[in-house]
PDB file of N, CA and C in Angstrom:
ATOM      1  N   UNK A   1      -7.406  16.543  -5.779  1.00  0.00           N
ATOM      2  CA  UNK A   1      -7.608  15.384  -4.927  1.00  0.00           C
ATOM      3  C   UNK A   1      -7.868  14.157  -5.805  1.00  0.00           C
ATOM      4  N   UNK A   2      -7.241  13.061  -5.465  1.00  0.00           N
ATOM      5  CA  UNK A   2      -7.390  11.826  -6.224  1.00  0.00           C
ATOM      6  C   UNK A   2      -8.496  10.979  -5.614  1.00  0.00           C
ATOM      7  N   UNK A   3      -9.423  10.525  -6.450  1.00  0.00           N
ATOM      8  CA  UNK A   3     -10.513   9.681  -5.969  1.00  0.00           C
ATOM      9  C   UNK A   3      -9.993   8.277  -5.665  1.00  0.00           C
ATOM     10  N   UNK A   4     -10.790   7.506  -4.931  1.00  0.00           N
ATOM     11  CA  UNK A   4     -10.421   6.112  -4.653  1.00  0.00           C
ATOM     12  C   UNK A   4     -10.286   5.331  -5.952  1.00  0.00           C
ATOM     13  N   UNK A   5     -11.171   5.623  -6.875  1.00  0.00           N
ATOM     14  CA  UNK A   5     -11.132   4.934  -8.172  1.00  0.00           C
ATOM     15  C   UNK A   5      -9.819   5.213  -8.898  1.00  0.00           C
ATOM     16  N   UNK A   6      -9.427   6.495  -8.953  1.00  0.00           N
ATOM     17  CA  UNK A   6      -8.178   6.861  -9.617  1.00  0.00           C
ATOM     18  C   UNK A   6      -6.976   6.292  -8.880  1.00  0.00           C
ATOM     19  N   UNK A   7      -7.010   6.362  -7.565  1.00  0.00           N
ATOM     20  CA  UNK A   7      -5.920   5.828  -6.755  1.00  0.00           C
ATOM     21  C   UNK A   7      -5.727   4.332  -7.002  1.00  0.00           C
ATOM     22  N   UNK A   8      -6.826   3.609  -7.086  1.00  0.00           N
ATOM     23  CA  UNK A   8      -6.752   2.163  -7.347  1.00  0.00           C
ATOM     24  C   UNK A   8      -6.183   1.905  -8.739  1.00  0.00           C
ATOM     25  N   UNK A   9      -6.594   2.710  -9.715  1.00  0.00           N
ATOM     26  CA  UNK A   9      -6.047   2.539 -11.072  1.00  0.00           C
ATOM     27  C   UNK A   9      -4.550   2.819 -11.080  1.00  0.00           C
ATOM     28  N   UNK A  10      -4.135   3.904 -10.452  1.00  0.00           N
ATOM     29  CA  UNK A  10      -2.716   4.260 -10.436  1.00  0.00           C
ATOM     30  C   UNK A  10      -1.885   3.185  -9.730  1.00  0.00           C
ATOM     31  N   UNK A  11      -2.431   2.593  -8.671  1.00  0.00           N
ATOM     32  CA  UNK A  11      -1.737   1.502  -7.994  1.00  0.00           C
ATOM     33  C   UNK A  11      -1.534   0.330  -8.956  1.00  0.00           C
ATOM     34  N   UNK A  12      -2.549   0.016  -9.702  1.00  0.00           N
ATOM     35  CA  UNK A  12      -2.460  -1.074 -10.679  1.00  0.00           C
ATOM     36  C   UNK A  12      -1.479  -0.730 -11.795  1.00  0.00           C
ATOM     37  N   UNK A  13      -1.469   0.511 -12.242  1.00  0.00           N
ATOM     38  CA  UNK A  13      -0.517   0.913 -13.277  1.00  0.00           C
ATOM     39  C   UNK A  13       0.915   0.738 -12.787  1.00  0.00           C
ATOM     40  N   UNK A  14       1.165   1.091 -11.517  1.00  0.00           N
ATOM     41  CA  UNK A  14       2.501   0.887 -10.942  1.00  0.00           C
ATOM     42  C   UNK A  14       2.885  -0.584 -10.993  1.00  0.00           C
ATOM     43  N   UNK A  15       1.941  -1.454 -10.699  1.00  0.00           N
ATOM     44  CA  UNK A  15       2.219  -2.888 -10.715  1.00  0.00           C
ATOM     45  C   UNK A  15       2.528  -3.387 -12.125  1.00  0.00           C
ATOM     46  N   UNK A  16       1.872  -2.820 -13.119  1.00  0.00           N
ATOM     47  CA  UNK A  16       2.109  -3.213 -14.510  1.00  0.00           C
ATOM     48  C   UNK A  16       3.495  -2.757 -14.956  1.00  0.00           C
ATOM     49  N   UNK A  17       3.886  -1.563 -14.535  1.00  0.00           N
ATOM     50  CA  UNK A  17       5.141  -0.984 -15.000  1.00  0.00           C
ATOM     51  C   UNK A  17       4.942  -0.346 -16.365  1.00  0.00           C
ATOM     52  N   UNK A  18       5.981   0.227 -16.890  1.00  0.00           N
ATOM     53  CA  UNK A  18       5.927   0.896 -18.193  1.00  0.00           C
ATOM     54  C   UNK A  18       5.468  -0.098 -19.253  1.00  0.00           C
ATOM     55  N   UNK A  19       4.417   0.250 -19.983  1.00  0.00           N
ATOM     56  CA  UNK A  19       3.865  -0.659 -20.988  1.00  0.00           C
ATOM     57  C   UNK A  19       4.852  -0.864 -22.144  1.00  0.00           C
ATOM     58  N   UNK A  20       5.629   0.157 -22.501  1.00  0.00           N
ATOM     59  CA  UNK A  20       6.627   0.001 -23.565  1.00  0.00           C
ATOM     60  C   UNK A  20       7.756  -0.919 -23.095  1.00  0.00           C
ATOM     61  N   UNK A  21       8.255  -0.707 -21.881  1.00  0.00           N
ATOM     62  CA  UNK A  21       9.305  -1.579 -21.334  1.00  0.00           C
ATOM     63  C   UNK A  21       8.790  -3.013 -21.216  1.00  0.00           C
ATOM     64  N   UNK A  22       7.555  -3.153 -20.805  1.00  0.00           N
ATOM     65  CA  UNK A  22       6.953  -4.483 -20.662  1.00  0.00           C
ATOM     66  C   UNK A  22       6.982  -5.238 -21.991  1.00  0.00           C
ATOM     67  N   UNK A  23       6.716  -4.531 -23.071  1.00  0.00           N
ATOM     68  CA  UNK A  23       6.746  -5.148 -24.398  1.00  0.00           C
ATOM     69  C   UNK A  23       8.167  -5.576 -24.777  1.00  0.00           C
ATOM     70  N   UNK A  24       9.155  -4.973 -24.144  1.00  0.00           N
ATOM     71  CA  UNK A  24      10.562  -5.305 -24.392  1.00  0.00           C
ATOM     72  C   UNK A  24      11.102  -6.296 -23.361  1.00  0.00           C
ATOM     73  N   UNK A  25      10.220  -6.777 -22.472  1.00  0.00           N
ATOM     74  CA  UNK A  25      10.639  -7.762 -21.479  1.00  0.00           C
ATOM     75  C   UNK A  25      11.261  -7.185 -20.222  1.00  0.00           C
ATOM     76  N   UNK A  26      11.038  -5.895 -19.979  1.00  0.00           N
ATOM     77  CA  UNK A  26      11.583  -5.237 -18.784  1.00  0.00           C
ATOM     78  C   UNK A  26      10.442  -4.715 -17.924  1.00  0.00           C
ATOM     79  N   UNK A  27      10.753  -4.414 -16.668  1.00  0.00           N
ATOM     80  CA  UNK A  27       9.803  -3.754 -15.773  1.00  0.00           C
ATOM     81  C   UNK A  27      10.476  -2.502 -15.246  1.00  0.00           C
ATOM     82  N   UNK A  28       9.747  -1.406 -15.223  1.00  0.00           N
ATOM     83  CA  UNK A  28      10.310  -0.165 -14.700  1.00  0.00           C
ATOM     84  C   UNK A  28       9.241   0.656 -14.006  1.00  0.00           C
ATOM     85  N   UNK A  29       9.691   1.554 -13.152  1.00  0.00           N
ATOM     86  CA  UNK A  29       8.792   2.477 -12.465  1.00  0.00           C
ATOM     87  C   UNK A  29       8.178   3.413 -13.484  1.00  0.00           C
ATOM     88  N   UNK A  30       7.052   3.999 -13.116  1.00  0.00           N
ATOM     89  CA  UNK A  30       6.303   4.759 -14.117  1.00  0.00           C
ATOM     90  C   UNK A  30       5.995   6.198 -13.744  1.00  0.00           C
ATOM     91  N   UNK A  31       5.700   6.936 -14.791  1.00  0.00           N
ATOM     92  CA  UNK A  31       4.945   8.182 -14.762  1.00  0.00           C
ATOM     93  C   UNK A  31       3.568   7.778 -15.281  1.00  0.00           C
ATOM     94  N   UNK A  32       2.563   8.546 -14.958  1.00  0.00           N
ATOM     95  CA  UNK A  32       1.236   8.298 -15.521  1.00  0.00           C
ATOM     96  C   UNK A  32       1.052   9.267 -16.690  1.00  0.00           C
ATOM     97  N   UNK A  33       0.846   8.712 -17.879  1.00  0.00           N
ATOM     98  CA  UNK A  33       0.612   9.501 -19.082  1.00  0.00           C
ATOM     99  C   UNK A  33      -0.886   9.518 -19.356  1.00  0.00           C
ATOM    100  N   UNK A  34      -1.461  10.716 -19.406  1.00  0.00           N
ATOM    101  CA  UNK A  34      -2.888  10.870 -19.693  1.00  0.00           C
ATOM    102  C   UNK A  34      -3.080  11.142 -21.182  1.00  0.00           C
ATOM    103  N   UNK A  35      -3.975  10.413 -21.798  1.00  0.00           N
ATOM    104  CA  UNK A  35      -4.278  10.638 -23.205  1.00  0.00           C
ATOM    105  C   UNK A  35      -5.016  11.956 -23.364  1.00  0.00           C
ATOM    106  N   UNK A  36      -4.628  12.710 -24.361  1.00  0.00           N
ATOM    107  CA  UNK A  36      -5.312  13.957 -24.702  1.00  0.00           C
ATOM    108  C   UNK A  36      -5.432  13.965 -26.225  1.00  0.00           C
ATOM    109  N   UNK A  37      -6.283  13.092 -26.724  1.00  0.00           N
ATOM    110  CA  UNK A  37      -6.429  12.963 -28.168  1.00  0.00           C
ATOM    111  C   UNK A  37      -7.787  13.427 -28.681  1.00  0.00           C
ATOM    112  N   UNK A  38      -8.590  13.972 -27.780  1.00  0.00           N
ATOM    113  CA  UNK A  38      -9.925  14.431 -28.176  1.00  0.00           C
ATOM    114  C   UNK A  38     -10.171  15.875 -27.719  1.00  0.00           C
ATOM    115  N   UNK A  39      -9.128  16.665 -27.777  1.00  0.00           N
ATOM    116  CA  UNK A  39      -9.252  18.081 -27.445  1.00  0.00           C
ATOM    117  C   UNK A  39      -8.794  18.433 -26.044  1.00  0.00           C
ATOM    118  N   UNK A  40      -9.337  17.751 -25.036  1.00  0.00           N
ATOM    119  CA  UNK A  40      -8.936  17.995 -23.657  1.00  0.00           C
ATOM    120  C   UNK A  40      -8.772  16.661 -22.940  1.00  0.00           C
ATOM    121  N   UNK A  41      -8.098  16.705 -21.818  1.00  0.00           N
ATOM    122  CA  UNK A  41      -7.915  15.487 -21.023  1.00  0.00           C
ATOM    123  C   UNK A  41      -9.259  14.909 -20.600  1.00  0.00           C
ATOM    124  N   UNK A  42     -10.165  15.774 -20.183  1.00  0.00           N
ATOM    125  CA  UNK A  42     -11.480  15.307 -19.735  1.00  0.00           C
ATOM    126  C   UNK A  42     -12.247  14.635 -20.873  1.00  0.00           C
ATOM    127  N   UNK A  43     -12.266  15.240 -22.046  1.00  0.00           N
ATOM    128  CA  UNK A  43     -12.965  14.653 -23.193  1.00  0.00           C
ATOM    129  C   UNK A  43     -12.291  13.372 -23.683  1.00  0.00           C
ATOM    130  N   UNK A  44     -11.003  13.234 -23.406  1.00  0.00           N
ATOM    131  CA  UNK A  44     -10.245  12.058 -23.836  1.00  0.00           C
ATOM    132  C   UNK A  44     -10.396  10.878 -22.887  1.00  0.00           C
ATOM    133  N   UNK A  45     -11.056  11.061 -21.767  1.00  0.00           N
ATOM    134  CA  UNK A  45     -11.278   9.963 -20.832  1.00  0.00           C
ATOM    135  C   UNK A  45     -10.797  10.229 -19.420  1.00  0.00           C
ATOM    136  N   UNK A  46     -10.261  11.406 -19.195  1.00  0.00           N
ATOM    137  CA  UNK A  46      -9.824  11.765 -17.847  1.00  0.00           C
ATOM    138  C   UNK A  46      -8.769  10.816 -17.306  1.00  0.00           C
ATOM    139  N   UNK A  47      -8.801  10.608 -16.001  1.00  0.00           N
ATOM    140  CA  UNK A  47      -7.799   9.762 -15.341  1.00  0.00           C
ATOM    141  C   UNK A  47      -7.914   8.296 -15.739  1.00  0.00           C
ATOM    142  N   UNK A  48      -9.075   7.893 -16.249  1.00  0.00           N
ATOM    143  CA  UNK A  48      -9.249   6.518 -16.692  1.00  0.00           C
ATOM    144  C   UNK A  48      -8.548   6.226 -18.007  1.00  0.00           C
ATOM    145  N   UNK A  49      -8.212   7.263 -18.759  1.00  0.00           N
ATOM    146  CA  UNK A  49      -7.491   7.101 -20.022  1.00  0.00           C
ATOM    147  C   UNK A  49      -6.024   7.434 -19.766  1.00  0.00           C
ATOM    148  N   UNK A  50      -5.386   6.572 -19.002  1.00  0.00           N
ATOM    149  CA  UNK A  50      -4.006   6.815 -18.607  1.00  0.00           C
ATOM    150  C   UNK A  50      -3.159   5.577 -18.845  1.00  0.00           C
ATOM    151  N   UNK A  51      -1.905   5.832 -19.222  1.00  0.00           N
ATOM    152  CA  UNK A  51      -0.961   4.761 -19.524  1.00  0.00           C
ATOM    153  C   UNK A  51       0.218   4.813 -18.574  1.00  0.00           C
ATOM    154  N   UNK A  52       0.743   3.659 -18.202  1.00  0.00           N
ATOM    155  CA  UNK A  52       1.967   3.637 -17.416  1.00  0.00           C
ATOM    156  C   UNK A  52       3.182   3.682 -18.347  1.00  0.00           C
ATOM    157  N   UNK A  53       3.945   4.746 -18.273  1.00  0.00           N
ATOM    158  CA  UNK A  53       5.170   4.877 -19.055  1.00  0.00           C
ATOM    159  C   UNK A  53       6.300   5.301 -18.134  1.00  0.00           C
ATOM    160  N   UNK A  54       7.478   4.747 -18.337  1.00  0.00           N
ATOM    161  CA  UNK A  54       8.640   5.155 -17.537  1.00  0.00           C
ATOM    162  C   UNK A  54       9.047   6.568 -17.954  1.00  0.00           C
ATOM    163  N   UNK A  55       9.884   7.242 -17.163  1.00  0.00           N
ATOM    164  CA  UNK A  55      10.308   8.597 -17.529  1.00  0.00           C
ATOM    165  C   UNK A  55      10.956   8.666 -18.918  1.00  0.00           C
ATOM    166  N   UNK A  56      11.697   7.624 -19.297  1.00  0.00           N
ATOM    167  CA  UNK A  56      12.307   7.626 -20.635  1.00  0.00           C
ATOM    168  C   UNK A  56      11.241   7.588 -21.713  1.00  0.00           C
ATOM    169  N   UNK A  57      10.348   6.606 -21.692  1.00  0.00           N
ATOM    170  CA  UNK A  57       9.350   6.475 -22.743  1.00  0.00           C
ATOM    171  C   UNK A  57       8.305   7.599 -22.708  1.00  0.00           C
ATOM    172  N   UNK A  58       8.082   8.189 -21.560  1.00  0.00           N
ATOM    173  CA  UNK A  58       7.099   9.262 -21.431  1.00  0.00           C
ATOM    174  C   UNK A  58       7.676  10.627 -21.789  1.00  0.00           C
ATOM    175  N   UNK A  59       8.776  11.004 -21.124  1.00  0.00           N
ATOM    176  CA  UNK A  59       9.293  12.377 -21.216  1.00  0.00           C
ATOM    177  C   UNK A  59      10.672  12.491 -21.845  1.00  0.00           C
ATOM    178  N   UNK A  60      11.205  11.372 -22.372  1.00  0.00           N
ATOM    179  CA  UNK A  60      12.552  11.362 -22.936  1.00  0.00           C
ATOM    180  C   UNK A  60      13.605  11.669 -21.869  1.00  0.00           C
ATOM    181  N   UNK A  61      13.325  11.268 -20.626  1.00  0.00           N
ATOM    182  CA  UNK A  61      14.272  11.454 -19.531  1.00  0.00           C
ATOM    183  C   UNK A  61      15.048  10.146 -19.354  1.00  0.00           C
ATOM    184  N   UNK A  62      16.318  10.128 -19.738  1.00  0.00           N
ATOM    185  CA  UNK A  62      17.085   8.882 -19.652  1.00  0.00           C
ATOM    186  C   UNK A  62      17.386   8.496 -18.204  1.00  0.00           C
ATOM    187  N   UNK A  63      17.674   7.212 -17.988  1.00  0.00           N
ATOM    188  CA  UNK A  63      18.093   6.786 -16.651  1.00  0.00           C
ATOM    189  C   UNK A  63      19.348   7.550 -16.221  1.00  0.00           C
ATOM    190  N   UNK A  64      19.571   7.643 -14.925  1.00  0.00           N
ATOM    191  CA  UNK A  64      20.713   8.378 -14.377  1.00  0.00           C
ATOM    192  C   UNK A  64      22.020   7.991 -15.066  1.00  0.00           C
ATOM    193  N   UNK A  65      22.791   9.011 -15.401  1.00  0.00           N
ATOM    194  CA  UNK A  65      24.108   8.795 -15.973  1.00  0.00           C
ATOM    195  C   UNK A  65      24.105   8.465 -17.457  1.00  0.00           C
ATOM    196  N   UNK A  66      22.950   8.495 -18.088  1.00  0.00           N
ATOM    197  CA  UNK A  66      22.855   8.121 -19.489  1.00  0.00           C
ATOM    198  C   UNK A  66      22.396   9.325 -20.310  1.00  0.00           C
ATOM    199  N   UNK A  67      22.947   9.471 -21.491  1.00  0.00           N
ATOM    200  CA  UNK A  67      22.491  10.516 -22.408  1.00  0.00           C
ATOM    201  C   UNK A  67      21.239  10.025 -23.137  1.00  0.00           C
ATOM    202  N   UNK A  68      20.382  10.949 -23.602  1.00  0.00           N
ATOM    203  CA  UNK A  68      19.187  10.531 -24.344  1.00  0.00           C
ATOM    204  C   UNK A  68      19.504   9.617 -25.527  1.00  0.00           C
ATOM    205  N   UNK A  69      20.585   9.906 -26.239  1.00  0.00           N
ATOM    206  CA  UNK A  69      20.931   9.074 -27.400  1.00  0.00           C
ATOM    207  C   UNK A  69      21.285   7.646 -26.974  1.00  0.00           C
ATOM    208  N   UNK A  70      21.941   7.509 -25.831  1.00  0.00           N
ATOM    209  CA  UNK A  70      22.261   6.166 -25.322  1.00  0.00           C
ATOM    210  C   UNK A  70      20.984   5.443 -24.909  1.00  0.00           C
ATOM    211  N   UNK A  71      20.095   6.153 -24.219  1.00  0.00           N
ATOM    212  CA  UNK A  71      18.831   5.551 -23.777  1.00  0.00           C
ATOM    213  C   UNK A  71      18.005   5.125 -24.985  1.00  0.00           C
ATOM    214  N   UNK A  72      18.026   5.930 -26.033  1.00  0.00           N
ATOM    215  CA  UNK A  72      17.289   5.580 -27.254  1.00  0.00           C
ATOM    216  C   UNK A  72      17.815   4.264 -27.827  1.00  0.00           C
ATOM    217  N   UNK A  73      19.128   4.108 -27.877  1.00  0.00           N
ATOM    218  CA  UNK A  73      19.719   2.887 -28.430  1.00  0.00           C
ATOM    219  C   UNK A  73      19.362   1.663 -27.590  1.00  0.00           C
ATOM    220  N   UNK A  74      19.291   1.829 -26.287  1.00  0.00           N
ATOM    221  CA  UNK A  74      19.040   0.691 -25.394  1.00  0.00           C
ATOM    222  C   UNK A  74      17.547   0.449 -25.190  1.00  0.00           C
ATOM    223  N   UNK A  75      16.784   1.517 -24.954  1.00  0.00           N
ATOM    224  CA  UNK A  75      15.384   1.386 -24.565  1.00  0.00           C
ATOM    225  C   UNK A  75      14.381   1.718 -25.670  1.00  0.00           C
ATOM    226  N   UNK A  76      14.855   2.283 -26.777  1.00  0.00           N
ATOM    227  CA  UNK A  76      13.960   2.568 -27.891  1.00  0.00           C
ATOM    228  C   UNK A  76      13.398   3.975 -27.881  1.00  0.00           C
ATOM    229  N   UNK A  77      12.454   4.216 -28.794  1.00  0.00           N
ATOM    230  CA  UNK A  77      11.900   5.561 -28.983  1.00  0.00           C
ATOM    231  C   UNK A  77      11.021   6.002 -27.817  1.00  0.00           C
ATOM    232  N   UNK A  78      10.911   7.328 -27.689  1.00  0.00           N
ATOM    233  CA  UNK A  78      10.081   7.897 -26.636  1.00  0.00           C
ATOM    234  C   UNK A  78       8.858   8.574 -27.241  1.00  0.00           C
ATOM    235  N   UNK A  79       7.802   8.638 -26.461  1.00  0.00           N
ATOM    236  CA  UNK A  79       6.577   9.277 -26.922  1.00  0.00           C
ATOM    237  C   UNK A  79       6.808  10.764 -27.183  1.00  0.00           C
ATOM    238  N   UNK A  80       7.608  11.389 -26.353  1.00  0.00           N
ATOM    239  CA  UNK A  80       7.823  12.833 -26.468  1.00  0.00           C
ATOM    240  C   UNK A  80       8.725  13.212 -27.647  1.00  0.00           C
ATOM    241  N   UNK A  81       9.834  12.517 -27.810  1.00  0.00           N
ATOM    242  CA  UNK A  81      10.818  12.923 -28.815  1.00  0.00           C
ATOM    243  C   UNK A  81      10.710  12.166 -30.136  1.00  0.00           C
ATOM    244  N   UNK A  82      10.105  10.995 -30.119  1.00  0.00           N
ATOM    245  CA  UNK A  82      10.051  10.148 -31.327  1.00  0.00           C
ATOM    246  C   UNK A  82       8.653   9.557 -31.478  1.00  0.00           C
ATOM    247  N   UNK A  83       7.630  10.404 -31.432  1.00  0.00           N
ATOM    248  CA  UNK A  83       6.257   9.915 -31.336  1.00  0.00           C
ATOM    249  C   UNK A  83       5.889   8.943 -32.464  1.00  0.00           C
ATOM    250  N   UNK A  84       6.181   9.285 -33.693  1.00  0.00           N
ATOM    251  CA  UNK A  84       5.801   8.411 -34.809  1.00  0.00           C
ATOM    252  C   UNK A  84       6.450   7.029 -34.660  1.00  0.00           C
ATOM    253  N   UNK A  85       7.729   7.019 -34.373  1.00  0.00           N
ATOM    254  CA  UNK A  85       8.445   5.746 -34.205  1.00  0.00           C
ATOM    255  C   UNK A  85       7.918   4.976 -32.986  1.00  0.00           C
ATOM    256  N   UNK A  86       7.627   5.690 -31.901  1.00  0.00           N
ATOM    257  CA  UNK A  86       7.065   5.065 -30.701  1.00  0.00           C
ATOM    258  C   UNK A  86       5.752   4.364 -31.037  1.00  0.00           C
ATOM    259  N   UNK A  87       4.859   5.070 -31.744  1.00  0.00           N
ATOM    260  CA  UNK A  87       3.549   4.511 -32.086  1.00  0.00           C
ATOM    261  C   UNK A  87       3.669   3.320 -33.031  1.00  0.00           C
ATOM    262  N   UNK A  88       4.606   3.379 -33.964  1.00  0.00           N
ATOM    263  CA  UNK A  88       4.825   2.254 -34.879  1.00  0.00           C
ATOM    264  C   UNK A  88       5.348   1.021 -34.135  1.00  0.00           C
ATOM    265  N   UNK A  89       6.201   1.252 -33.176  1.00  0.00           N
ATOM    266  CA  UNK A  89       6.829   0.139 -32.450  1.00  0.00           C
ATOM    267  C   UNK A  89       5.918  -0.482 -31.398  1.00  0.00           C
ATOM    268  N   UNK A  90       5.210   0.373 -30.644  1.00  0.00           N
ATOM    269  CA  UNK A  90       4.443  -0.122 -29.498  1.00  0.00           C
ATOM    270  C   UNK A  90       2.925  -0.124 -29.713  1.00  0.00           C
ATOM    271  N   UNK A  91       2.435   0.636 -30.674  1.00  0.00           N
ATOM    272  CA  UNK A  91       1.001   0.754 -30.905  1.00  0.00           C
ATOM    273  C   UNK A  91       0.527   2.167 -30.615  1.00  0.00           C
ATOM    274  N   UNK A  92      -0.675   2.477 -31.091  1.00  0.00           N
ATOM    275  CA  UNK A  92      -1.228   3.804 -30.827  1.00  0.00           C
ATOM    276  C   UNK A  92      -1.549   3.923 -29.336  1.00  0.00           C
ATOM    277  N   UNK A  93      -1.750   5.143 -28.895  1.00  0.00           N
ATOM    278  CA  UNK A  93      -2.093   5.346 -27.488  1.00  0.00           C
ATOM    279  C   UNK A  93      -3.392   4.624 -27.141  1.00  0.00           C
ATOM    280  N   UNK A  94      -4.364   4.630 -28.042  1.00  0.00           N
ATOM    281  CA  UNK A  94      -5.630   3.932 -27.781  1.00  0.00           C
ATOM    282  C   UNK A  94      -5.431   2.414 -27.770  1.00  0.00           C
ATOM    283  N   UNK A  95      -4.567   1.886 -28.635  1.00  0.00           N
ATOM    284  CA  UNK A  95      -4.269   0.454 -28.601  1.00  0.00           C
ATOM    285  C   UNK A  95      -3.586   0.088 -27.284  1.00  0.00           C
ATOM    286  N   UNK A  96      -2.631   0.911 -26.880  1.00  0.00           N
ATOM    287  CA  UNK A  96      -1.946   0.667 -25.606  1.00  0.00           C
ATOM    288  C   UNK A  96      -2.923   0.761 -24.445  1.00  0.00           C
ATOM    289  N   UNK A  97      -3.856   1.720 -24.509  1.00  0.00           N
ATOM    290  CA  UNK A  97      -4.852   1.867 -23.453  1.00  0.00           C
ATOM    291  C   UNK A  97      -5.696   0.605 -23.339  1.00  0.00           C
ATOM    292  N   UNK A  98      -6.098   0.032 -24.464  1.00  0.00           N
ATOM    293  CA  UNK A  98      -6.889  -1.204 -24.435  1.00  0.00           C
ATOM    294  C   UNK A  98      -6.082  -2.338 -23.795  1.00  0.00           C
ATOM    295  N   UNK A  99      -4.799  -2.441 -24.124  1.00  0.00           N
ATOM    296  CA  UNK A  99      -3.944  -3.465 -23.517  1.00  0.00           C
ATOM    297  C   UNK A  99      -3.803  -3.242 -22.016  1.00  0.00           C
ATOM    298  N   UNK A 100      -3.561  -1.991 -21.637  1.00  0.00           N
ATOM    299  CA  UNK A 100      -3.391  -1.657 -20.220  1.00  0.00           C
ATOM    300  C   UNK A 100      -4.688  -1.924 -19.453  1.00  0.00           C
ATOM    301  N   UNK A 101      -5.822  -1.528 -20.017  1.00  0.00           N
ATOM    302  CA  UNK A 101      -7.101  -1.764 -19.343  1.00  0.00           C
ATOM    303  C   UNK A 101      -7.343  -3.245 -19.116  1.00  0.00           C
ATOM    304  N   UNK A 102      -6.969  -4.084 -20.083  1.00  0.00           N
ATOM    305  CA  UNK A 102      -7.122  -5.534 -19.921  1.00  0.00           C
ATOM    306  C   UNK A 102      -6.214  -6.035 -18.788  1.00  0.00           C
ATOM    307  N   UNK A 103      -5.009  -5.514 -18.701  1.00  0.00           N
ATOM    308  CA  UNK A 103      -4.095  -5.902 -17.620  1.00  0.00           C
ATOM    309  C   UNK A 103      -4.612  -5.414 -16.270  1.00  0.00           C
ATOM    310  N   UNK A 104      -5.125  -4.183 -16.242  1.00  0.00           N
ATOM    311  CA  UNK A 104      -5.658  -3.606 -15.005  1.00  0.00           C
ATOM    312  C   UNK A 104      -6.762  -4.495 -14.444  1.00  0.00           C
ATOM    313  N   UNK A 105      -7.629  -4.994 -15.307  1.00  0.00           N
ATOM    314  CA  UNK A 105      -8.743  -5.838 -14.867  1.00  0.00           C
ATOM    315  C   UNK A 105      -8.284  -7.144 -14.236  1.00  0.00           C
ATOM    316  N   UNK A 106      -7.103  -7.615 -14.605  1.00  0.00           N
ATOM    317  CA  UNK A 106      -6.604  -8.899 -14.083  1.00  0.00           C
ATOM    318  C   UNK A 106      -5.804  -8.765 -12.793  1.00  0.00           C
ATOM    319  N   UNK A 107      -5.498  -7.551 -12.407  1.00  0.00           N
ATOM    320  CA  UNK A 107      -4.682  -7.340 -11.209  1.00  0.00           C
ATOM    321  C   UNK A 107      -5.569  -7.304  -9.976  1.00  0.00           C
ATOM    322  N   UNK A 108      -5.155  -8.020  -8.952  1.00  0.00           N
ATOM    323  CA  UNK A 108      -5.890  -8.054  -7.689  1.00  0.00           C
ATOM    324  C   UNK A 108      -5.998  -6.651  -7.123  1.00  0.00           C
ATOM    325  N   UNK A 109      -7.151  -6.355  -6.553  1.00  0.00           N
ATOM    326  CA  UNK A 109      -7.370  -5.036  -5.965  1.00  0.00           C
ATOM    327  C   UNK A 109      -6.438  -4.801  -4.792  1.00  0.00           C
ATOM    328  N   UNK A 110      -5.907  -3.583  -4.680  1.00  0.00           N
ATOM    329  CA  UNK A 110      -5.061  -3.269  -3.540  1.00  0.00           C
ATOM    330  C   UNK A 110      -5.872  -3.211  -2.248  1.00  0.00           C
ATOM    331  N   UNK A 111      -5.198  -3.407  -1.131  1.00  0.00           N
ATOM    332  CA  UNK A 111      -5.857  -3.335   0.178  1.00  0.00           C
ATOM    333  C   UNK A 111      -6.513  -1.969   0.336  1.00  0.00           C
ATOM    334  N   UNK A 112      -7.701  -1.959   0.905  1.00  0.00           N
ATOM    335  CA  UNK A 112      -8.402  -0.707   1.154  1.00  0.00           C
ATOM    336  C   UNK A 112      -9.300  -0.256   0.019  1.00  0.00           C
ATOM    337  N   UNK A 113      -9.337  -1.021  -1.079  1.00  0.00           N
ATOM    338  CA  UNK A 113     -10.196  -0.665  -2.208  1.00  0.00           C
ATOM    339  C   UNK A 113     -11.193  -1.781  -2.447  1.00  0.00           C
ATOM    340  N   UNK A 114     -12.384  -1.387  -2.889  1.00  0.00           N
ATOM    341  CA  UNK A 114     -13.406  -2.383  -3.231  1.00  0.00           C
ATOM    342  C   UNK A 114     -13.689  -2.287  -4.722  1.00  0.00           C
ATOM    343  N   UNK A 115     -14.302  -3.304  -5.294  1.00  0.00           N
ATOM    344  CA  UNK A 115     -14.643  -3.289  -6.700  1.00  0.00           C
ATOM    345  C   UNK A 115     -15.521  -2.095  -7.034  1.00  0.00           C
ATOM    346  N   UNK A 116     -16.380  -1.682  -6.107  1.00  0.00           N
ATOM    347  CA  UNK A 116     -17.230  -0.514  -6.322  1.00  0.00           C
ATOM    348  C   UNK A 116     -16.425   0.753  -6.521  1.00  0.00           C
ATOM    349  N   UNK A 117     -15.278   0.868  -5.839  1.00  0.00           N
ATOM    350  CA  UNK A 117     -14.411   2.028  -6.019  1.00  0.00           C
ATOM    351  C   UNK A 117     -13.907   2.100  -7.451  1.00  0.00           C
ATOM    352  N   UNK A 118     -13.627   0.954  -8.039  1.00  0.00           N
ATOM    353  CA  UNK A 118     -13.041   0.900  -9.369  1.00  0.00           C
ATOM    354  C   UNK A 118     -14.086   1.188 -10.439  1.00  0.00           C
ATOM    355  N   UNK A 119     -15.296   0.727 -10.259  1.00  0.00           N
ATOM    356  CA  UNK A 119     -16.316   0.819 -11.301  1.00  0.00           C
ATOM    357  C   UNK A 119     -17.065   2.140 -11.295  1.00  0.00           C
ATOM    358  N   UNK A 120     -16.937   2.934 -10.289  1.00  0.00           N
ATOM    359  CA  UNK A 120     -17.697   4.188 -10.209  1.00  0.00           C
ATOM    360  C   UNK A 120     -17.307   5.154 -11.290  1.00  0.00           C
TER     361      UNK A 120
END
């Protein structure tokens, strides 16, 4: 079950779009990527330590009708298949998280959510 706090964050992540695409001047629909850099997802920050990444940048899933190699040439490296290159180009996951968190704070709250839902 998703809490109101998590739901509000995910709504904001959708509004931001893929953080890697955003750095390239594009907007795309997202998957939610959870950081797991401290042993477990929970120790790494749980649902609050999440990044908006499109299917290409997250899972190396190219847009319809495109091969992965074509998507790489057009959209760049993916976290799954080209992690080192992805991190060099876009920043570490923690750097991206700091950028995303700053963007999340500037986005107007969605209808049905209060600031208390977000801060809990």
